[in-house]
Amino acid sequence: MRKKNILPKVKVRQAKTADLKPFWLLFKETIWNDFPEYSKEAKNYLFKKAYSRKKFKKWTKGKEGIILIALIKDKIIGYIVAESGYAGVALLAWLAIDKNFQGKGMGSLLLKRYEIFAKKQKVHKIYLWTDKRDLKFYKKNGYILLGRIPKFFFKVDHWLCYKDI
């Protein structure tokens, strides 16, 4: 008989200002380690400009976007960063799970919880840019591939996906 992989209970909620430090540490770690296609310069741009700690502080106050975090025993093990919806459409900018919890359904759980949250915010469509290695994950979760743009952000190939919710 095959043993099931039993994990402690996962709690998913919107990040608060008090969560900013541990979130920021996981965000930086996952961007550095899980997105090798981006150069050091690109990552530094992300941290200092596009997705800075200062910007995320606004997001924890419900301005401009949302940070949804997954926690096990009060430790952040994953997150979704999404820009606020506009005209019913929202951009899912980042989804990452701590390497110790990958492959255990955490990403799918977090994605489903974000979709529930987005619906409550009157979002009817979510779109995202991804790389080739994550296409299977998003397709498994109901996202539709629209196409590929070669050498897009930071001269890296990106695939555009969306989902009606």
N, C-alpha and C. Protein backbone atom coordinates (compact mmCIF):
# COMPACT_ATOMS: atom_id res chain seq x y z
N MET A 1 0.84 -1.17 0.00
CA MET A 1 0.00 0.00 0.00
C MET A 1 0.89 1.25 0.00
N ARG A 2 0.55 2.19 -0.87
CA ARG A 2 1.32 3.43 -1.00
C ARG A 2 0.94 4.41 0.09
N LYS A 3 1.96 4.98 0.74
CA LYS A 3 1.71 5.98 1.78
C LYS A 3 1.42 7.33 1.14
N LYS A 4 0.45 8.04 1.72
CA LYS A 4 0.16 9.39 1.25
C LYS A 4 1.15 10.35 1.88
N ASN A 5 1.46 11.38 1.12
CA ASN A 5 2.34 12.43 1.64
C ASN A 5 1.49 13.36 2.51
N ILE A 6 1.65 13.26 3.81
CA ILE A 6 0.83 14.05 4.72
C ILE A 6 1.58 15.31 5.11
N LEU A 7 0.94 16.45 4.86
CA LEU A 7 1.52 17.74 5.20
C LEU A 7 0.70 18.39 6.29
N PRO A 8 1.36 19.23 7.09
CA PRO A 8 0.59 20.00 8.07
C PRO A 8 -0.44 20.89 7.35
N LYS A 9 -1.41 21.35 8.08
CA LYS A 9 -2.46 22.18 7.50
C LYS A 9 -1.88 23.48 6.92
N VAL A 10 -2.33 23.80 5.73
CA VAL A 10 -1.88 25.01 5.04
C VAL A 10 -2.94 26.09 5.20
N LYS A 11 -2.51 27.25 5.59
CA LYS A 11 -3.39 28.41 5.72
C LYS A 11 -3.03 29.38 4.60
N VAL A 12 -4.03 29.89 3.89
CA VAL A 12 -3.80 30.87 2.83
C VAL A 12 -4.56 32.14 3.19
N ARG A 13 -3.84 33.26 3.13
CA ARG A 13 -4.47 34.54 3.44
C ARG A 13 -3.72 35.68 2.77
N GLN A 14 -4.37 36.82 2.79
CA GLN A 14 -3.74 38.02 2.25
C GLN A 14 -2.63 38.47 3.20
N ALA A 15 -1.49 38.86 2.64
CA ALA A 15 -0.37 39.31 3.46
C ALA A 15 -0.69 40.63 4.15
N LYS A 16 -0.18 40.77 5.35
CA LYS A 16 -0.31 42.00 6.13
C LYS A 16 1.06 42.66 6.20
N THR A 17 1.08 43.91 6.64
CA THR A 17 2.35 44.61 6.76
C THR A 17 3.33 43.84 7.65
N ALA A 18 2.84 43.19 8.69
CA ALA A 18 3.70 42.41 9.58
C ALA A 18 4.34 41.21 8.88
N ASP A 19 3.78 40.78 7.75
CA ASP A 19 4.32 39.65 6.99
C ASP A 19 5.39 40.07 6.00
N LEU A 20 5.59 41.37 5.85
CA LEU A 20 6.44 41.88 4.79
C LEU A 20 7.87 41.34 4.85
N LYS A 21 8.49 41.31 6.03
CA LYS A 21 9.88 40.85 6.12
C LYS A 21 10.03 39.38 5.71
N PRO A 22 9.26 38.44 6.31
CA PRO A 22 9.44 37.05 5.87
C PRO A 22 9.01 36.82 4.42
N PHE A 23 7.98 37.54 3.97
CA PHE A 23 7.58 37.43 2.56
C PHE A 23 8.72 37.88 1.67
N TRP A 24 9.29 39.05 1.97
CA TRP A 24 10.36 39.62 1.16
C TRP A 24 11.56 38.66 1.07
N LEU A 25 11.90 38.02 2.17
CA LEU A 25 13.01 37.06 2.16
C LEU A 25 12.71 35.88 1.23
N LEU A 26 11.48 35.35 1.29
CA LEU A 26 11.11 34.24 0.40
C LEU A 26 11.03 34.72 -1.05
N PHE A 27 10.48 35.90 -1.27
CA PHE A 27 10.39 36.45 -2.62
C PHE A 27 11.78 36.54 -3.24
N LYS A 28 12.73 37.16 -2.53
CA LYS A 28 14.08 37.30 -3.07
C LYS A 28 14.73 35.93 -3.31
N GLU A 29 14.56 35.01 -2.35
CA GLU A 29 15.15 33.67 -2.49
C GLU A 29 14.60 32.94 -3.71
N THR A 30 13.28 32.98 -3.88
CA THR A 30 12.69 32.24 -5.01
C THR A 30 13.02 32.90 -6.35
N ILE A 31 13.06 34.22 -6.39
CA ILE A 31 13.41 34.87 -7.66
C ILE A 31 14.86 34.54 -8.02
N TRP A 32 15.77 34.62 -7.05
CA TRP A 32 17.18 34.30 -7.33
C TRP A 32 17.36 32.85 -7.76
N ASN A 33 16.68 31.93 -7.06
CA ASN A 33 16.94 30.50 -7.29
C ASN A 33 16.03 29.83 -8.32
N ASP A 34 14.79 30.26 -8.42
CA ASP A 34 13.82 29.53 -9.26
C ASP A 34 13.60 30.14 -10.64
N PHE A 35 14.24 31.26 -10.91
CA PHE A 35 14.07 31.92 -12.21
C PHE A 35 15.45 32.16 -12.84
N PRO A 36 16.15 31.08 -13.18
CA PRO A 36 17.51 31.22 -13.70
C PRO A 36 17.58 31.92 -15.06
N GLU A 37 16.47 32.02 -15.74
CA GLU A 37 16.46 32.66 -17.05
C GLU A 37 16.70 34.17 -16.98
N TYR A 38 16.49 34.76 -15.79
CA TYR A 38 16.70 36.20 -15.62
C TYR A 38 18.13 36.48 -15.17
N SER A 39 18.72 37.47 -15.78
CA SER A 39 20.08 37.87 -15.41
C SER A 39 20.11 38.54 -14.04
N LYS A 40 21.30 38.69 -13.50
CA LYS A 40 21.48 39.38 -12.22
C LYS A 40 20.94 40.82 -12.33
N GLU A 41 21.20 41.48 -13.44
CA GLU A 41 20.73 42.85 -13.65
C GLU A 41 19.20 42.90 -13.68
N ALA A 42 18.59 41.94 -14.34
CA ALA A 42 17.12 41.89 -14.39
C ALA A 42 16.54 41.69 -13.00
N LYS A 43 17.13 40.79 -12.24
CA LYS A 43 16.64 40.53 -10.88
C LYS A 43 16.80 41.76 -10.00
N ASN A 44 17.93 42.43 -10.10
CA ASN A 44 18.12 43.65 -9.32
C ASN A 44 17.10 44.72 -9.70
N TYR A 45 16.77 44.81 -10.99
CA TYR A 45 15.73 45.75 -11.42
C TYR A 45 14.40 45.39 -10.77
N LEU A 46 14.07 44.12 -10.78
CA LEU A 46 12.82 43.68 -10.17
C LEU A 46 12.76 44.06 -8.69
N PHE A 47 13.85 43.81 -7.97
CA PHE A 47 13.87 44.09 -6.53
C PHE A 47 13.87 45.57 -6.20
N LYS A 48 14.49 46.36 -7.05
CA LYS A 48 14.62 47.79 -6.74
C LYS A 48 13.53 48.66 -7.35
N LYS A 49 12.92 48.21 -8.44
CA LYS A 49 11.95 49.05 -9.15
C LYS A 49 10.57 48.39 -9.26
N ALA A 50 10.46 47.41 -10.12
CA ALA A 50 9.16 46.84 -10.47
C ALA A 50 8.44 46.19 -9.30
N TYR A 51 9.18 45.44 -8.48
CA TYR A 51 8.58 44.74 -7.35
C TYR A 51 9.44 44.97 -6.10
N SER A 52 9.57 46.22 -5.75
CA SER A 52 10.40 46.59 -4.60
C SER A 52 9.66 46.33 -3.29
N ARG A 53 10.42 46.32 -2.22
CA ARG A 53 9.84 46.15 -0.88
C ARG A 53 8.88 47.30 -0.57
N LYS A 54 9.24 48.50 -1.01
CA LYS A 54 8.40 49.68 -0.79
C LYS A 54 7.05 49.51 -1.52
N LYS A 55 7.11 48.99 -2.74
CA LYS A 55 5.88 48.75 -3.50
C LYS A 55 5.02 47.70 -2.80
N PHE A 56 5.66 46.63 -2.33
CA PHE A 56 4.92 45.58 -1.64
C PHE A 56 4.29 46.07 -0.34
N LYS A 57 4.90 47.03 0.30
CA LYS A 57 4.31 47.59 1.52
C LYS A 57 2.95 48.21 1.20
N LYS A 58 2.84 48.90 0.07
CA LYS A 58 1.55 49.45 -0.38
C LYS A 58 0.56 48.32 -0.65
N TRP A 59 1.07 47.25 -1.22
CA TRP A 59 0.20 46.13 -1.56
C TRP A 59 -0.38 45.48 -0.31
N THR A 60 0.38 45.44 0.78
CA THR A 60 -0.14 44.84 2.00
C THR A 60 -1.25 45.70 2.59
N LYS A 61 -1.35 46.92 2.12
CA LYS A 61 -2.42 47.82 2.58
C LYS A 61 -3.57 47.86 1.56
N GLY A 62 -3.54 46.95 0.60
CA GLY A 62 -4.62 46.84 -0.37
C GLY A 62 -4.56 47.83 -1.51
N LYS A 63 -3.39 48.41 -1.75
CA LYS A 63 -3.23 49.37 -2.83
C LYS A 63 -2.43 48.76 -3.97
N GLU A 64 -2.96 48.85 -5.17
CA GLU A 64 -2.29 48.46 -6.41
C GLU A 64 -2.21 46.96 -6.68
N GLY A 65 -2.25 46.14 -5.66
CA GLY A 65 -2.14 44.71 -5.90
C GLY A 65 -2.38 43.92 -4.64
N ILE A 66 -2.16 42.63 -4.76
CA ILE A 66 -2.37 41.72 -3.63
C ILE A 66 -1.21 40.76 -3.52
N ILE A 67 -0.88 40.45 -2.30
CA ILE A 67 0.07 39.38 -2.01
C ILE A 67 -0.71 38.35 -1.20
N LEU A 68 -0.83 37.17 -1.75
CA LEU A 68 -1.50 36.07 -1.06
C LEU A 68 -0.39 35.13 -0.60
N ILE A 69 -0.41 34.75 0.67
CA ILE A 69 0.64 33.88 1.20
C ILE A 69 0.06 32.56 1.69
N ALA A 70 0.86 31.51 1.54
CA ALA A 70 0.52 30.19 2.07
C ALA A 70 1.44 29.96 3.25
N LEU A 71 0.84 29.54 4.37
CA LEU A 71 1.61 29.34 5.60
C LEU A 71 1.38 27.94 6.16
N ILE A 72 2.44 27.40 6.73
CA ILE A 72 2.36 26.17 7.51
C ILE A 72 2.98 26.52 8.86
N LYS A 73 2.18 26.39 9.90
CA LYS A 73 2.64 26.74 11.25
C LYS A 73 3.26 28.14 11.29
N ASP A 74 2.57 29.10 10.70
CA ASP A 74 2.98 30.51 10.67
C ASP A 74 4.26 30.78 9.88
N LYS A 75 4.74 29.83 9.11
CA LYS A 75 5.90 30.05 8.24
C LYS A 75 5.41 30.17 6.81
N ILE A 76 5.80 31.26 6.13
CA ILE A 76 5.39 31.46 4.74
C ILE A 76 6.15 30.47 3.87
N ILE A 77 5.37 29.65 3.14
CA ILE A 77 5.99 28.64 2.28
C ILE A 77 5.70 28.88 0.80
N GLY A 78 4.89 29.89 0.52
CA GLY A 78 4.58 30.20 -0.87
C GLY A 78 3.82 31.49 -0.97
N TYR A 79 3.72 32.01 -2.18
CA TYR A 79 3.03 33.28 -2.38
C TYR A 79 2.54 33.44 -3.82
N ILE A 80 1.58 34.32 -3.95
CA ILE A 80 1.14 34.83 -5.25
C ILE A 80 1.18 36.34 -5.15
N VAL A 81 1.73 36.96 -6.16
CA VAL A 81 1.73 38.41 -6.29
C VAL A 81 0.91 38.71 -7.53
N ALA A 82 -0.15 39.48 -7.37
CA ALA A 82 -1.03 39.81 -8.49
C ALA A 82 -1.38 41.29 -8.47
N GLU A 83 -1.38 41.88 -9.63
CA GLU A 83 -1.75 43.28 -9.71
C GLU A 83 -3.27 43.39 -9.62
N SER A 84 -3.73 44.53 -9.12
CA SER A 84 -5.17 44.74 -8.97
C SER A 84 -5.86 44.61 -10.32
N GLY A 85 -7.06 44.07 -10.27
CA GLY A 85 -7.83 43.91 -11.49
C GLY A 85 -8.25 45.25 -12.06
N TYR A 86 -8.31 45.30 -13.38
CA TYR A 86 -8.77 46.49 -14.09
C TYR A 86 -9.77 46.03 -15.14
N ALA A 87 -10.97 46.58 -15.08
CA ALA A 87 -12.03 46.23 -16.03
C ALA A 87 -12.30 44.72 -16.03
N GLY A 88 -12.14 44.10 -14.86
CA GLY A 88 -12.44 42.69 -14.73
C GLY A 88 -11.31 41.74 -15.07
N VAL A 89 -10.11 42.29 -15.32
CA VAL A 89 -8.97 41.47 -15.71
C VAL A 89 -7.81 41.73 -14.76
N ALA A 90 -7.15 40.66 -14.29
CA ALA A 90 -6.04 40.80 -13.36
C ALA A 90 -4.80 40.06 -13.89
N LEU A 91 -3.65 40.64 -13.60
CA LEU A 91 -2.37 40.02 -13.95
C LEU A 91 -1.81 39.27 -12.74
N LEU A 92 -1.59 37.98 -12.91
CA LEU A 92 -0.90 37.19 -11.91
C LEU A 92 0.58 37.32 -12.25
N ALA A 93 1.31 38.07 -11.42
CA ALA A 93 2.70 38.40 -11.75
C ALA A 93 3.69 37.34 -11.29
N TRP A 94 3.52 36.80 -10.08
CA TRP A 94 4.46 35.83 -9.54
C TRP A 94 3.73 34.78 -8.71
N LEU A 95 4.17 33.57 -8.85
CA LEU A 95 3.72 32.47 -8.01
C LEU A 95 4.96 31.64 -7.72
N ALA A 96 5.23 31.43 -6.44
CA ALA A 96 6.40 30.61 -6.09
C ALA A 96 6.14 29.87 -4.78
N ILE A 97 6.76 28.73 -4.67
CA ILE A 97 6.65 27.89 -3.48
C ILE A 97 8.07 27.56 -3.01
N ASP A 98 8.28 27.61 -1.70
CA ASP A 98 9.56 27.23 -1.10
C ASP A 98 9.95 25.85 -1.64
N LYS A 99 11.23 25.69 -1.99
CA LYS A 99 11.68 24.45 -2.62
C LYS A 99 11.36 23.20 -1.80
N ASN A 100 11.26 23.32 -0.47
CA ASN A 100 10.94 22.17 0.37
C ASN A 100 9.49 21.72 0.26
N PHE A 101 8.65 22.53 -0.38
CA PHE A 101 7.23 22.19 -0.48
C PHE A 101 6.75 22.08 -1.93
N GLN A 102 7.66 22.16 -2.87
CA GLN A 102 7.28 22.04 -4.28
C GLN A 102 6.89 20.61 -4.61
N GLY A 103 5.99 20.46 -5.57
CA GLY A 103 5.57 19.14 -6.02
C GLY A 103 4.59 18.46 -5.09
N LYS A 104 3.98 19.22 -4.17
CA LYS A 104 3.05 18.65 -3.20
C LYS A 104 1.66 19.27 -3.28
N GLY A 105 1.39 19.98 -4.37
CA GLY A 105 0.08 20.58 -4.55
C GLY A 105 -0.08 21.98 -3.98
N MET A 106 0.99 22.52 -3.43
CA MET A 106 0.90 23.85 -2.81
C MET A 106 0.62 24.94 -3.85
N GLY A 107 1.27 24.87 -5.00
CA GLY A 107 1.05 25.87 -6.05
C GLY A 107 -0.39 25.86 -6.55
N SER A 108 -0.93 24.67 -6.76
CA SER A 108 -2.32 24.56 -7.23
C SER A 108 -3.29 25.07 -6.17
N LEU A 109 -3.02 24.75 -4.91
CA LEU A 109 -3.87 25.23 -3.82
C LEU A 109 -3.86 26.75 -3.76
N LEU A 110 -2.69 27.33 -3.81
CA LEU A 110 -2.56 28.78 -3.76
C LEU A 110 -3.25 29.44 -4.95
N LEU A 111 -3.10 28.86 -6.11
CA LEU A 111 -3.73 29.38 -7.33
C LEU A 111 -5.26 29.35 -7.21
N LYS A 112 -5.79 28.25 -6.71
CA LYS A 112 -7.25 28.15 -6.53
C LYS A 112 -7.76 29.20 -5.55
N ARG A 113 -7.05 29.38 -4.46
CA ARG A 113 -7.45 30.38 -3.46
C ARG A 113 -7.38 31.79 -4.04
N TYR A 114 -6.37 32.05 -4.87
CA TYR A 114 -6.28 33.37 -5.52
C TYR A 114 -7.47 33.57 -6.45
N GLU A 115 -7.85 32.56 -7.19
CA GLU A 115 -8.98 32.67 -8.12
C GLU A 115 -10.27 32.98 -7.36
N ILE A 116 -10.47 32.39 -6.20
CA ILE A 116 -11.64 32.68 -5.36
C ILE A 116 -11.60 34.14 -4.92
N PHE A 117 -10.43 34.57 -4.45
CA PHE A 117 -10.26 35.97 -4.04
C PHE A 117 -10.55 36.91 -5.21
N ALA A 118 -9.99 36.61 -6.37
CA ALA A 118 -10.14 37.48 -7.55
C ALA A 118 -11.61 37.60 -7.95
N LYS A 119 -12.34 36.48 -7.91
CA LYS A 119 -13.78 36.53 -8.23
C LYS A 119 -14.52 37.50 -7.33
N LYS A 120 -14.18 37.49 -6.05
CA LYS A 120 -14.82 38.41 -5.10
C LYS A 120 -14.49 39.86 -5.42
N GLN A 121 -13.38 40.08 -6.11
CA GLN A 121 -12.97 41.43 -6.51
C GLN A 121 -13.51 41.79 -7.90
N LYS A 122 -14.47 41.00 -8.38
CA LYS A 122 -15.12 41.22 -9.68
C LYS A 122 -14.20 40.97 -10.87
N VAL A 123 -13.17 40.14 -10.68
CA VAL A 123 -12.30 39.75 -11.78
C VAL A 123 -12.94 38.57 -12.49
N HIS A 124 -12.98 38.61 -13.82
CA HIS A 124 -13.54 37.49 -14.58
C HIS A 124 -12.48 36.78 -15.44
N LYS A 125 -11.29 37.39 -15.54
CA LYS A 125 -10.22 36.78 -16.33
C LYS A 125 -8.87 37.10 -15.69
N ILE A 126 -8.03 36.08 -15.60
CA ILE A 126 -6.67 36.23 -15.08
C ILE A 126 -5.72 35.90 -16.22
N TYR A 127 -4.68 36.72 -16.36
CA TYR A 127 -3.65 36.39 -17.34
C TYR A 127 -2.29 36.41 -16.67
N LEU A 128 -1.34 35.74 -17.31
CA LEU A 128 0.00 35.64 -16.76
C LEU A 128 1.00 35.36 -17.87
N TRP A 129 2.24 35.69 -17.58
CA TRP A 129 3.37 35.35 -18.44
C TRP A 129 4.15 34.27 -17.72
N THR A 130 4.58 33.26 -18.44
CA THR A 130 5.35 32.19 -17.81
C THR A 130 6.46 31.73 -18.72
N ASP A 131 7.28 30.85 -18.23
CA ASP A 131 8.31 30.27 -19.08
C ASP A 131 7.89 28.85 -19.46
N LYS A 132 8.64 28.26 -20.35
CA LYS A 132 8.26 26.96 -20.90
C LYS A 132 8.12 25.88 -19.83
N ARG A 133 9.01 25.88 -18.82
CA ARG A 133 8.99 24.79 -17.85
C ARG A 133 7.74 24.79 -16.97
N ASP A 134 7.02 25.92 -16.86
CA ASP A 134 5.83 25.99 -16.01
C ASP A 134 4.51 25.89 -16.79
N LEU A 135 4.59 25.74 -18.11
CA LEU A 135 3.37 25.64 -18.92
C LEU A 135 2.48 24.47 -18.50
N LYS A 136 3.07 23.33 -18.24
CA LYS A 136 2.30 22.13 -17.87
C LYS A 136 1.49 22.40 -16.59
N PHE A 137 2.12 23.05 -15.61
CA PHE A 137 1.44 23.39 -14.35
C PHE A 137 0.22 24.26 -14.61
N TYR A 138 0.38 25.32 -15.38
CA TYR A 138 -0.75 26.22 -15.62
C TYR A 138 -1.84 25.56 -16.46
N LYS A 139 -1.46 24.77 -17.45
CA LYS A 139 -2.46 24.03 -18.25
C LYS A 139 -3.24 23.07 -17.35
N LYS A 140 -2.55 22.38 -16.44
CA LYS A 140 -3.21 21.46 -15.51
C LYS A 140 -4.24 22.19 -14.64
N ASN A 141 -3.98 23.47 -14.38
CA ASN A 141 -4.87 24.27 -13.56
C ASN A 141 -5.88 25.09 -14.37
N GLY A 142 -6.07 24.72 -15.64
CA GLY A 142 -7.13 25.31 -16.45
C GLY A 142 -6.77 26.55 -17.24
N TYR A 143 -5.51 26.91 -17.28
CA TYR A 143 -5.10 28.10 -18.04
C TYR A 143 -4.87 27.72 -19.49
N ILE A 144 -5.20 28.63 -20.37
CA ILE A 144 -5.13 28.41 -21.81
C ILE A 144 -3.93 29.17 -22.36
N LEU A 145 -3.12 28.49 -23.15
CA LEU A 145 -1.96 29.10 -23.77
C LEU A 145 -2.39 29.90 -24.99
N LEU A 146 -2.03 31.18 -25.02
CA LEU A 146 -2.31 32.02 -26.19
C LEU A 146 -1.15 32.03 -27.17
N GLY A 147 0.06 32.00 -26.65
CA GLY A 147 1.20 32.00 -27.54
C GLY A 147 2.48 32.39 -26.85
N ARG A 148 3.53 32.40 -27.65
CA ARG A 148 4.88 32.69 -27.16
C ARG A 148 5.37 33.98 -27.78
N ILE A 149 6.06 34.76 -26.95
CA ILE A 149 6.74 35.96 -27.46
C ILE A 149 8.23 35.76 -27.21
N PRO A 150 9.01 35.62 -28.26
CA PRO A 150 10.43 35.41 -28.07
C PRO A 150 11.13 36.68 -27.59
N LYS A 151 12.13 36.48 -26.75
CA LYS A 151 12.95 37.58 -26.24
C LYS A 151 12.08 38.76 -25.78
N PHE A 152 11.19 38.48 -24.85
CA PHE A 152 10.24 39.47 -24.35
C PHE A 152 10.85 40.22 -23.17
N PHE A 153 10.26 40.14 -21.98
CA PHE A 153 10.83 40.83 -20.84
C PHE A 153 12.27 40.37 -20.61
N PHE A 154 13.19 41.31 -20.48
CA PHE A 154 14.60 41.02 -20.23
C PHE A 154 15.21 40.09 -21.29
N LYS A 155 14.64 40.14 -22.49
CA LYS A 155 15.11 39.33 -23.63
C LYS A 155 15.00 37.82 -23.36
N VAL A 156 13.98 37.45 -22.59
CA VAL A 156 13.71 36.06 -22.26
C VAL A 156 12.38 35.68 -22.92
N ASP A 157 12.31 34.47 -23.48
CA ASP A 157 11.05 34.00 -24.07
C ASP A 157 9.98 33.88 -22.99
N HIS A 158 8.76 34.32 -23.32
CA HIS A 158 7.62 34.22 -22.40
C HIS A 158 6.41 33.65 -23.14
N TRP A 159 5.59 32.92 -22.39
CA TRP A 159 4.36 32.36 -22.90
C TRP A 159 3.21 33.04 -22.18
N LEU A 160 2.21 33.48 -22.95
CA LEU A 160 1.05 34.17 -22.40
C LEU A 160 -0.09 33.17 -22.21
N CYS A 161 -0.65 33.14 -21.00
CA CYS A 161 -1.76 32.24 -20.67
C CYS A 161 -2.86 33.05 -20.00
N TYR A 162 -4.08 32.52 -20.07
CA TYR A 162 -5.20 33.17 -19.38
C TYR A 162 -6.20 32.11 -18.92
N LYS A 163 -7.09 32.57 -18.04
CA LYS A 163 -8.17 31.71 -17.57
C LYS A 163 -9.37 32.55 -17.26
N ASP A 164 -10.55 32.10 -17.71
CA ASP A 164 -11.82 32.71 -17.32
C ASP A 164 -12.19 32.11 -15.98
N ILE A 165 -12.56 32.99 -15.04
CA ILE A 165 -12.96 32.46 -13.72
C ILE A 165 -14.40 32.84 -13.41
